[in-house]
Amino acid sequence: MPGRPRPHSISFPALALVLILALAAAACGNDAASGPVSNGTIADGSPATTGEGDPTTTRAPRTVTIAGSGDILMHSPVNAAGLANGGGQVYDFDPMFAEVADEISAADIAICHMETPISPDGTEISGYPIFNAPTEIATALAKAGFDGCDTASNHTLDKGYDGAVATLDVLDAAGLQHTGSFRTEADAANGGGVFYEANGVRVGHLAYSMDTNGIPLPAGKPWVINLNDPDKMLADAGALKAAGAEIVVMSVHWGAEYQAQPTPYQLDLANRLLASPDIDLILGDHVHVIQPIQKIGTKYVAYGMGNFLSNQSPAAGLLASTQDGAIFSFSFTEQANGRFVADAARYTPTFVSRPGYVIIEAGPDTNNDSFLRTVEAVNLLGAGTNDAVATTGEVAPDLLPPPPSTTTTATPRSTTTAKPASSAGG
């Protein structure tokens, strides 16, 4: 991966074992200070020590930057372009990510949304409506700088339980963490959260989907995918925090396709989830267009991160905004009480160019139409609802939506569009 080492990762069951062993060691008379250290103190307020009883010098608070991006939606034309990149013999998706790899790798932890199943052996490749992506997409994602992916989507079960498991095997082989779909009931326990560690900060990740496109859950395996259930989502986040996560990121598959305005369901669920001390950031996906960022208290929700890689576009009978995506980055800083607060949000607008499906950054000097669409969508809830900054340029204030009057719920813009081509549905 260019730019930085991959953060340390550990599964929830493995971490539980580590915690048990650590507690056993502490019970055997270890007098060293324990717990997260912040500004020279332990989280309970006592002075941090060097191990010899002397207070340590005050150190800088720990920080970590977490990035997310939109749907990886492997339509047949995208797969065909990857095969052409490989000379017709192998799939090569690396060129599609080459222009944005540095930006992805700049984050301490970068998480993708793998919308579709992945073939374990390069056979039975298919696009919409029953997806099965080439194996090589996983290695391309890892090379681009991603550390893991969420796998909870309406397409998770396109190839059944076996396809869901095969996808996890492929991601494992590429060195990518994953959550949202599972091989076993034990893996799915407490939401099946995974852990990343960067800069000494332990970050937990959970993922959920609102549906499976009507595909029934496998008999006897209802745990194969996390489905949106607010009570369970809150409980799972609490369990992840209790297991040692200092920050919990939740990926949520939700919303109305091709609609930039969040639905009332999205707005209500985001407020409920972020009211919990156990959830620190929400990364939304599914709708195939950019939706707003909202800052709720001191926490952020990115309602929809658009399409990061897909065949969707006006050429396929869809909105121009279906070619837009972004890399959303959130910086967290440790507070004096040991908790982490997101103190900065930024986004790099992206655009899927055709016919090669190369993801490029969109700015005033590169693709101004896409840039303006993304900035407008990010700020669709009105001035003052977020403080996120676009990294590729600035927009005059008169081009942004006005402040909300009494609520952040706005009337949805028209989303009427032609039926997508068979090569571009999602």
Protein backbone atom coordinates (compact mmCIF):
# COMPACT_ATOMS: atom_id res chain seq x y z
CA MET A 1 0.00 0.00 0.00
CA PRO A 2 1.49 3.35 -0.89
CA GLY A 3 2.01 6.00 1.70
CA ARG A 4 1.56 4.23 5.04
CA PRO A 5 1.73 0.85 6.76
CA ARG A 6 -1.53 -1.06 7.10
CA PRO A 7 -3.05 -0.58 10.56
CA HIS A 8 -3.09 -3.50 12.97
CA SER A 9 -6.41 -5.36 12.90
CA ILE A 10 -8.01 -7.97 15.13
CA SER A 11 -11.40 -9.69 15.17
CA PHE A 12 -13.94 -9.31 17.98
CA PRO A 13 -13.55 -12.93 19.26
CA ALA A 14 -9.76 -12.64 19.22
CA LEU A 15 -9.87 -9.36 21.09
CA ALA A 16 -12.13 -10.88 23.72
CA LEU A 17 -9.47 -13.53 24.37
CA VAL A 18 -6.77 -10.87 24.63
CA LEU A 19 -8.84 -8.95 27.19
CA ILE A 20 -9.39 -12.08 29.28
CA LEU A 21 -5.65 -12.77 29.35
CA ALA A 22 -4.92 -9.15 30.20
CA LEU A 23 -7.35 -9.22 33.12
CA ALA A 24 -5.77 -12.42 34.37
CA ALA A 25 -2.32 -10.83 34.27
CA ALA A 26 -3.58 -7.79 36.17
CA ALA A 27 -5.05 -10.05 38.85
CA CYS A 28 -1.60 -11.56 39.40
CA GLY A 29 -0.22 -8.36 40.91
CA ASN A 30 0.81 -6.17 37.98
CA ASP A 31 1.09 -2.66 39.46
CA ALA A 32 1.60 -0.81 36.15
CA ALA A 33 -1.00 1.77 35.15
CA SER A 34 -3.74 0.49 32.87
CA GLY A 35 -6.36 2.09 30.64
CA PRO A 36 -6.08 4.74 27.93
CA VAL A 37 -3.56 7.46 28.72
CA SER A 38 -4.50 11.03 27.82
CA ASN A 39 -2.44 14.16 28.51
CA GLY A 40 -0.38 12.41 31.15
CA THR A 41 -3.31 10.86 33.00
CA ILE A 42 -5.13 7.56 33.01
CA ALA A 43 -8.76 7.72 31.82
CA ASP A 44 -9.90 7.48 35.48
CA GLY A 45 -8.04 10.74 36.22
CA SER A 46 -4.99 9.37 38.07
CA PRO A 47 -1.51 10.46 36.90
CA ALA A 48 0.13 8.33 34.25
CA THR A 49 3.44 6.83 35.37
CA THR A 50 6.59 5.54 33.74
CA GLY A 51 6.34 2.23 35.59
CA GLU A 52 8.66 3.48 38.36
CA GLY A 53 6.03 5.61 40.09
CA ASP A 54 7.02 8.95 38.55
CA PRO A 55 4.49 11.00 36.54
CA THR A 56 5.14 10.98 32.82
CA THR A 57 5.59 14.15 30.83
CA THR A 58 2.43 15.40 29.20
CA ARG A 59 2.20 14.05 25.67
CA ALA A 60 0.16 15.18 22.72
CA PRO A 61 -3.34 13.70 22.42
CA ARG A 62 -3.63 10.78 20.03
CA THR A 63 -5.27 11.43 16.67
CA VAL A 64 -6.59 9.22 13.89
CA THR A 65 -8.13 9.90 10.48
CA ILE A 66 -10.80 7.54 9.14
CA ALA A 67 -11.89 7.59 5.49
CA GLY A 68 -14.82 6.01 3.69
CA SER A 69 -15.99 5.92 0.08
CA GLY A 70 -19.05 4.95 -1.92
CA ASP A 71 -20.26 1.83 -3.66
CA ILE A 72 -17.95 -0.58 -5.46
CA LEU A 73 -20.56 -1.76 -7.96
CA MET A 74 -19.08 -4.20 -10.44
CA HIS A 75 -21.22 -3.93 -13.56
CA SER A 76 -20.35 -6.00 -16.64
CA PRO A 77 -18.84 -3.06 -18.59
CA VAL A 78 -16.54 -2.30 -15.63
CA ASN A 79 -15.46 -5.93 -15.55
CA ALA A 80 -14.88 -5.86 -19.32
CA ALA A 81 -12.66 -2.80 -18.97
CA GLY A 82 -10.68 -4.58 -16.27
CA LEU A 83 -10.19 -7.56 -18.57
CA ALA A 84 -9.04 -5.25 -21.37
CA ASN A 85 -6.51 -3.69 -18.96
CA GLY A 86 -5.13 -7.20 -18.45
CA GLY A 87 -4.76 -7.85 -22.15
CA GLY A 88 -7.83 -10.06 -22.26
CA GLN A 89 -6.08 -12.71 -20.15
CA VAL A 90 -6.51 -11.46 -16.58
CA TYR A 91 -8.49 -8.74 -14.84
CA ASP A 92 -6.56 -5.63 -13.87
CA PHE A 93 -8.49 -2.98 -11.97
CA ASP A 94 -5.43 -1.17 -10.61
CA PRO A 95 -5.53 1.61 -13.26
CA MET A 96 -9.05 2.52 -12.18
CA PHE A 97 -7.81 3.52 -8.72
CA ALA A 98 -4.41 4.93 -9.66
CA GLU A 99 -5.50 8.60 -9.61
CA VAL A 100 -7.00 8.41 -6.10
CA ALA A 101 -4.70 5.91 -4.37
CA ASP A 102 -2.64 8.61 -2.66
CA GLU A 103 -5.74 10.23 -1.19
CA ILE A 104 -7.06 6.88 0.07
CA SER A 105 -3.68 5.99 1.58
CA ALA A 106 -3.42 9.37 3.30
CA ALA A 107 -6.02 8.22 5.86
CA ASP A 108 -4.88 6.19 8.85
CA ILE A 109 -7.80 3.81 8.25
CA ALA A 110 -9.65 3.59 4.92
CA ILE A 111 -12.89 1.60 4.55
CA CYS A 112 -14.64 0.71 1.29
CA HIS A 113 -18.19 -0.44 0.63
CA MET A 114 -18.03 -3.72 -1.30
CA GLU A 115 -21.55 -3.80 -2.71
CA THR A 116 -21.33 -7.09 -4.59
CA PRO A 117 -20.20 -10.68 -4.10
CA ILE A 118 -16.75 -11.63 -5.39
CA SER A 119 -15.97 -14.84 -7.25
CA PRO A 120 -13.40 -16.99 -5.40
CA ASP A 121 -11.88 -18.43 -8.58
CA GLY A 122 -12.63 -15.99 -11.39
CA THR A 123 -15.54 -18.03 -12.75
CA GLU A 124 -19.24 -17.22 -13.12
CA ILE A 125 -18.51 -13.50 -13.42
CA SER A 126 -21.71 -11.48 -13.75
CA GLY A 127 -23.10 -7.97 -13.41
CA TYR A 128 -26.55 -6.59 -12.68
CA PRO A 129 -28.93 -7.90 -11.44
CA ILE A 130 -27.12 -10.87 -9.85
CA PHE A 131 -23.56 -9.69 -9.30
CA ASN A 132 -20.40 -11.76 -9.00
CA ALA A 133 -17.24 -9.69 -9.33
CA PRO A 134 -13.81 -10.84 -10.52
CA THR A 135 -11.44 -11.92 -7.76
CA GLU A 136 -8.92 -9.24 -8.72
CA ILE A 137 -11.10 -6.37 -7.47
CA ALA A 138 -10.08 -7.24 -3.91
CA THR A 139 -6.35 -6.96 -4.58
CA ALA A 140 -6.95 -3.69 -6.45
CA LEU A 141 -8.77 -2.25 -3.43
CA ALA A 142 -5.91 -3.26 -1.13
CA LYS A 143 -3.29 -1.79 -3.47
CA ALA A 144 -5.29 1.43 -3.66
CA GLY A 145 -4.93 1.87 0.09
CA PHE A 146 -8.09 0.44 1.59
CA ASP A 147 -7.68 -1.44 4.86
CA GLY A 148 -11.07 -3.10 4.89
CA CYS A 149 -14.60 -3.09 3.51
CA ASP A 150 -18.13 -3.39 4.75
CA THR A 151 -20.03 -6.18 3.01
CA ALA A 152 -23.62 -5.54 4.11
CA SER A 153 -25.76 -4.57 1.12
CA ASN A 154 -28.88 -5.47 -0.81
CA HIS A 155 -26.62 -7.57 -3.07
CA THR A 156 -24.78 -9.52 -0.35
CA LEU A 157 -26.86 -12.64 -1.02
CA ASP A 158 -26.91 -12.41 -4.83
CA LYS A 159 -24.95 -15.68 -4.94
CA GLY A 160 -26.46 -17.12 -1.78
CA TYR A 161 -24.71 -18.12 1.40
CA ASP A 162 -21.83 -19.75 -0.47
CA GLY A 163 -21.24 -16.56 -2.43
CA ALA A 164 -21.23 -14.47 0.74
CA VAL A 165 -18.64 -16.77 2.31
CA ALA A 166 -16.53 -16.81 -0.86
CA THR A 167 -16.45 -13.01 -0.81
CA LEU A 168 -15.02 -13.04 2.70
CA ASP A 169 -12.40 -15.60 1.66
CA VAL A 170 -11.29 -13.37 -1.21
CA LEU A 171 -11.09 -10.29 1.03
CA ASP A 172 -9.06 -12.27 3.58
CA ALA A 173 -6.63 -13.37 0.88
CA ALA A 174 -6.17 -9.72 -0.14
CA GLY A 175 -5.47 -8.67 3.46
CA LEU A 176 -8.68 -6.68 3.80
CA GLN A 177 -10.75 -6.62 6.98
CA HIS A 178 -14.52 -7.01 6.61
CA THR A 179 -17.77 -6.89 8.54
CA GLY A 180 -21.48 -6.94 7.81
CA SER A 181 -21.72 -10.53 6.51
CA PHE A 182 -20.46 -13.68 8.17
CA ARG A 183 -19.47 -17.32 7.79
CA THR A 184 -20.70 -18.55 11.16
CA GLU A 185 -23.03 -17.58 13.97
CA ALA A 186 -20.01 -17.13 16.23
CA ASP A 187 -18.48 -14.65 13.77
CA ALA A 188 -21.75 -12.70 13.75
CA ALA A 189 -22.08 -12.49 17.54
CA ASN A 190 -22.64 -8.95 18.82
CA GLY A 191 -22.75 -7.66 15.26
CA GLY A 192 -19.44 -9.22 14.22
CA GLY A 193 -17.50 -6.01 14.66
CA VAL A 194 -13.86 -5.80 13.63
CA PHE A 195 -11.05 -3.71 15.04
CA TYR A 196 -8.38 -1.56 13.46
CA GLU A 197 -5.51 0.01 15.34
CA ALA A 198 -3.65 3.07 14.07
CA ASN A 199 -1.53 5.57 15.99
CA GLY A 200 -2.26 3.55 19.11
CA VAL A 201 -6.01 4.12 18.72
CA ARG A 202 -8.37 1.14 18.56
CA VAL A 203 -11.23 1.71 16.11
CA GLY A 204 -14.22 -0.64 15.87
CA HIS A 205 -16.33 -1.11 12.74
CA LEU A 206 -19.87 -2.47 12.30
CA ALA A 207 -22.05 -2.67 9.17
CA TYR A 208 -25.75 -3.19 8.42
CA SER A 209 -28.12 -3.30 5.43
CA MET A 210 -31.81 -2.44 5.20
CA ASP A 211 -32.62 -5.41 2.95
CA THR A 212 -31.40 -8.16 0.61
CA ASN A 213 -33.47 -7.29 -2.49
CA GLY A 214 -36.08 -9.80 -1.42
CA ILE A 215 -33.65 -12.73 -1.40
CA PRO A 216 -34.60 -14.90 1.62
CA LEU A 217 -32.05 -15.40 4.35
CA PRO A 218 -30.51 -18.88 4.11
CA ALA A 219 -32.36 -21.51 6.12
CA GLY A 220 -30.81 -21.84 9.55
CA LYS A 221 -28.40 -18.98 8.87
CA PRO A 222 -30.27 -15.73 9.61
CA TRP A 223 -27.03 -14.27 10.99
CA VAL A 224 -25.26 -14.30 7.57
CA ILE A 225 -25.92 -10.56 7.17
CA ASN A 226 -26.58 -7.75 9.62
CA LEU A 227 -29.93 -6.12 8.91
CA ASN A 228 -30.91 -2.69 10.15
CA ASP A 229 -32.45 -3.00 13.61
CA PRO A 230 -31.91 0.10 15.77
CA ASP A 231 -32.03 -1.73 19.10
CA LYS A 232 -29.54 -4.35 17.93
CA MET A 233 -27.30 -1.73 16.30
CA LEU A 234 -27.10 0.17 19.58
CA ALA A 235 -26.46 -2.99 21.59
CA ASP A 236 -23.76 -4.16 19.18
CA ALA A 237 -22.01 -0.80 19.37
CA GLY A 238 -22.13 -0.95 23.17
CA ALA A 239 -20.57 -4.41 23.11
CA LEU A 240 -17.82 -3.20 20.76
CA LYS A 241 -17.00 -0.26 23.03
CA ALA A 242 -16.99 -2.59 26.04
CA ALA A 243 -14.57 -4.87 24.19
CA GLY A 244 -12.05 -2.05 23.81
CA ALA A 245 -13.05 0.12 20.86
CA GLU A 246 -12.19 3.76 21.50
CA ILE A 247 -14.07 4.87 18.38
CA VAL A 248 -16.96 3.01 16.72
CA VAL A 249 -17.72 3.55 13.03
CA MET A 250 -21.04 2.23 11.72
CA SER A 251 -21.67 1.63 8.01
CA VAL A 252 -25.38 1.70 7.12
CA HIS A 253 -26.99 0.65 3.81
CA TRP A 254 -30.17 2.76 3.58
CA GLY A 255 -32.12 5.43 1.73
CA ALA A 256 -34.00 5.82 -1.55
CA GLU A 257 -31.98 5.10 -4.68
CA TYR A 258 -31.00 8.12 -6.82
CA GLN A 259 -32.37 10.57 -4.24
CA ALA A 260 -29.88 13.10 -2.89
CA GLN A 261 -32.14 14.12 -0.02
CA PRO A 262 -32.04 11.73 2.96
CA THR A 263 -35.36 10.11 3.76
CA PRO A 264 -37.09 10.73 7.09
CA TYR A 265 -36.06 7.19 8.06
CA GLN A 266 -32.40 8.05 7.50
CA LEU A 267 -32.65 11.30 9.42
CA ASP A 268 -34.45 9.68 12.35
CA LEU A 269 -32.13 6.66 12.53
CA ALA A 270 -28.99 8.81 12.34
CA ASN A 271 -30.18 10.95 15.23
CA ARG A 272 -31.07 7.92 17.31
CA LEU A 273 -27.76 6.16 16.67
CA LEU A 274 -25.55 9.19 17.22
CA ALA A 275 -27.35 10.01 20.48
CA SER A 276 -25.58 6.94 21.86
CA PRO A 277 -22.14 7.42 23.42
CA ASP A 278 -21.15 4.16 21.75
CA ILE A 279 -21.39 5.32 18.10
CA ASP A 280 -19.03 8.01 16.83
CA LEU A 281 -19.44 8.11 13.04
CA ILE A 282 -21.94 6.86 10.44
CA LEU A 283 -20.91 6.08 6.85
CA GLY A 284 -23.97 5.66 4.59
CA ASP A 285 -24.28 3.99 1.21
CA HIS A 286 -26.77 2.44 -1.24
CA VAL A 287 -28.47 5.34 -3.04
CA HIS A 288 -25.83 5.69 -5.83
CA VAL A 289 -25.65 9.48 -5.53
CA ILE A 290 -24.00 11.78 -3.01
CA GLN A 291 -26.14 12.71 -0.03
CA PRO A 292 -25.42 15.34 2.65
CA ILE A 293 -23.03 15.29 5.54
CA GLN A 294 -24.68 16.34 8.76
CA LYS A 295 -23.02 17.22 12.06
CA ILE A 296 -25.22 16.13 14.93
CA GLY A 297 -23.74 17.52 18.11
CA THR A 298 -20.06 16.71 17.78
CA LYS A 299 -20.60 13.68 15.53
CA TYR A 300 -20.87 13.27 11.77
CA VAL A 301 -23.05 11.22 9.46
CA ALA A 302 -22.34 10.93 5.74
CA TYR A 303 -25.80 9.88 4.57
CA GLY A 304 -24.69 8.67 1.13
CA MET A 305 -21.20 8.46 -0.34
CA GLY A 306 -22.23 7.98 -3.98
CA ASN A 307 -20.71 5.55 -6.45
CA PHE A 308 -16.96 5.12 -6.16
CA LEU A 309 -16.76 2.66 -9.09
CA SER A 310 -19.67 1.66 -11.33
CA ASN A 311 -21.14 1.85 -14.84
CA GLN A 312 -23.95 4.16 -13.77
CA SER A 313 -24.20 7.38 -15.80
CA PRO A 314 -26.50 9.27 -18.19
CA ALA A 315 -25.31 6.90 -20.92
CA ALA A 316 -27.05 4.14 -18.98
CA GLY A 317 -30.25 6.15 -18.59
CA LEU A 318 -29.46 7.49 -15.13
CA LEU A 319 -28.74 10.81 -13.46
CA ALA A 320 -25.41 12.53 -14.10
CA SER A 321 -24.83 12.40 -10.35
CA THR A 322 -24.52 8.60 -10.46
CA GLN A 323 -21.00 9.11 -11.82
CA ASP A 324 -20.10 11.14 -8.73
CA GLY A 325 -18.48 9.85 -5.58
CA ALA A 326 -16.14 11.09 -2.90
CA ILE A 327 -13.55 10.09 -0.35
CA PHE A 328 -14.89 11.26 3.01
CA SER A 329 -12.29 11.74 5.76
CA PHE A 330 -12.94 12.39 9.44
CA SER A 331 -10.22 13.33 11.93
CA PHE A 332 -10.60 12.32 15.57
CA THR A 333 -8.64 13.78 18.49
CA GLU A 334 -8.35 12.41 22.00
CA GLN A 335 -9.83 14.57 24.73
CA ALA A 336 -8.62 15.04 28.30
CA ASN A 337 -11.16 12.47 29.51
CA GLY A 338 -9.79 9.83 27.14
CA ARG A 339 -12.70 9.97 24.70
CA PHE A 340 -12.31 10.80 21.01
CA VAL A 341 -14.16 13.57 19.21
CA ALA A 342 -14.34 14.16 15.46
CA ASP A 343 -12.95 17.66 15.03
CA ALA A 344 -12.63 17.89 11.24
CA ALA A 345 -14.41 16.56 8.17
CA ARG A 346 -13.27 16.85 4.58
CA TYR A 347 -14.19 15.25 1.30
CA THR A 348 -12.49 14.78 -2.04
CA PRO A 349 -15.09 14.71 -4.85
CA THR A 350 -14.50 11.97 -7.43
CA PHE A 351 -15.89 11.11 -10.84
CA VAL A 352 -15.88 7.81 -12.75
CA SER A 353 -14.54 8.65 -16.20
CA ARG A 354 -15.57 6.63 -19.21
CA PRO A 355 -14.83 4.45 -21.11
CA GLY A 356 -11.91 3.28 -18.95
CA TYR A 357 -13.69 3.70 -15.59
CA VAL A 358 -10.74 5.54 -14.08
CA ILE A 359 -11.73 7.28 -10.85
CA ILE A 360 -10.49 10.88 -10.97
CA GLU A 361 -10.69 13.75 -8.52
CA ALA A 362 -13.29 16.36 -9.43
CA GLY A 363 -12.54 20.04 -8.90
CA PRO A 364 -13.15 23.40 -10.53
CA ASP A 365 -10.27 22.80 -12.93
CA THR A 366 -10.82 19.12 -13.67
CA ASN A 367 -14.54 18.35 -13.75
CA ASN A 368 -16.43 21.38 -12.51
CA ASP A 369 -19.94 20.02 -13.16
CA SER A 370 -19.30 16.94 -11.04
CA PHE A 371 -17.55 19.02 -8.38
CA LEU A 372 -20.49 21.42 -8.07
CA ARG A 373 -23.00 18.55 -7.93
CA THR A 374 -21.10 16.93 -5.09
CA VAL A 375 -20.62 20.12 -3.10
CA GLU A 376 -24.32 20.96 -3.47
CA ALA A 377 -25.35 17.47 -2.36
CA VAL A 378 -23.01 17.46 0.63
CA ASN A 379 -24.59 20.73 1.78
CA LEU A 380 -28.16 19.91 0.77
CA LEU A 381 -29.49 20.15 4.32
CA GLY A 382 -28.50 23.82 4.38
CA ALA A 383 -25.76 26.10 5.66
CA GLY A 384 -24.69 25.36 9.21
CA THR A 385 -25.63 21.66 9.15
CA ASN A 386 -22.01 20.61 8.62
CA ASP A 387 -18.54 22.12 8.53
CA ALA A 388 -17.03 19.71 6.00
CA VAL A 389 -14.48 21.12 3.57
CA ALA A 390 -13.95 20.09 -0.05
CA THR A 391 -10.27 19.39 -0.69
CA THR A 392 -10.25 20.13 -4.42
CA GLY A 393 -11.60 23.69 -4.45
CA GLU A 394 -13.97 26.25 -2.99
CA VAL A 395 -17.50 27.23 -3.96
CA ALA A 396 -19.05 30.65 -3.72
CA PRO A 397 -21.57 30.77 -0.84
CA ASP A 398 -24.38 31.85 -3.19
CA LEU A 399 -24.11 28.47 -4.95
CA LEU A 400 -24.89 26.55 -1.76
CA PRO A 401 -28.39 25.76 -0.42
CA PRO A 402 -29.84 28.30 2.05
CA PRO A 403 -29.89 27.63 5.81
CA PRO A 404 -32.74 25.41 7.02
CA SER A 405 -35.69 27.28 8.48
CA THR A 406 -36.82 25.21 11.45
CA THR A 407 -35.68 21.69 10.58
CA THR A 408 -33.02 19.94 8.59
CA THR A 409 -35.66 17.87 6.80
CA ALA A 410 -36.11 19.37 3.35
CA THR A 411 -38.53 18.47 0.59
CA PRO A 412 -36.81 15.87 -1.58
CA ARG A 413 -35.75 16.99 -5.02
CA SER A 414 -37.31 15.24 -7.98
CA THR A 415 -35.64 11.90 -8.59
CA THR A 416 -37.50 10.91 -11.73
CA THR A 417 -35.15 9.12 -14.08
CA ALA A 418 -35.30 6.62 -16.87
CA LYS A 419 -35.13 2.93 -16.03
CA PRO A 420 -31.44 2.02 -15.79
CA ALA A 421 -29.91 -0.07 -18.51
CA SER A 422 -29.39 -3.74 -17.67
CA SER A 423 -25.66 -3.02 -17.49
CA ALA A 424 -26.06 -0.31 -14.86
CA GLY A 425 -28.66 -1.22 -12.23
CA GLY A 426 -27.85 -1.38 -8.57
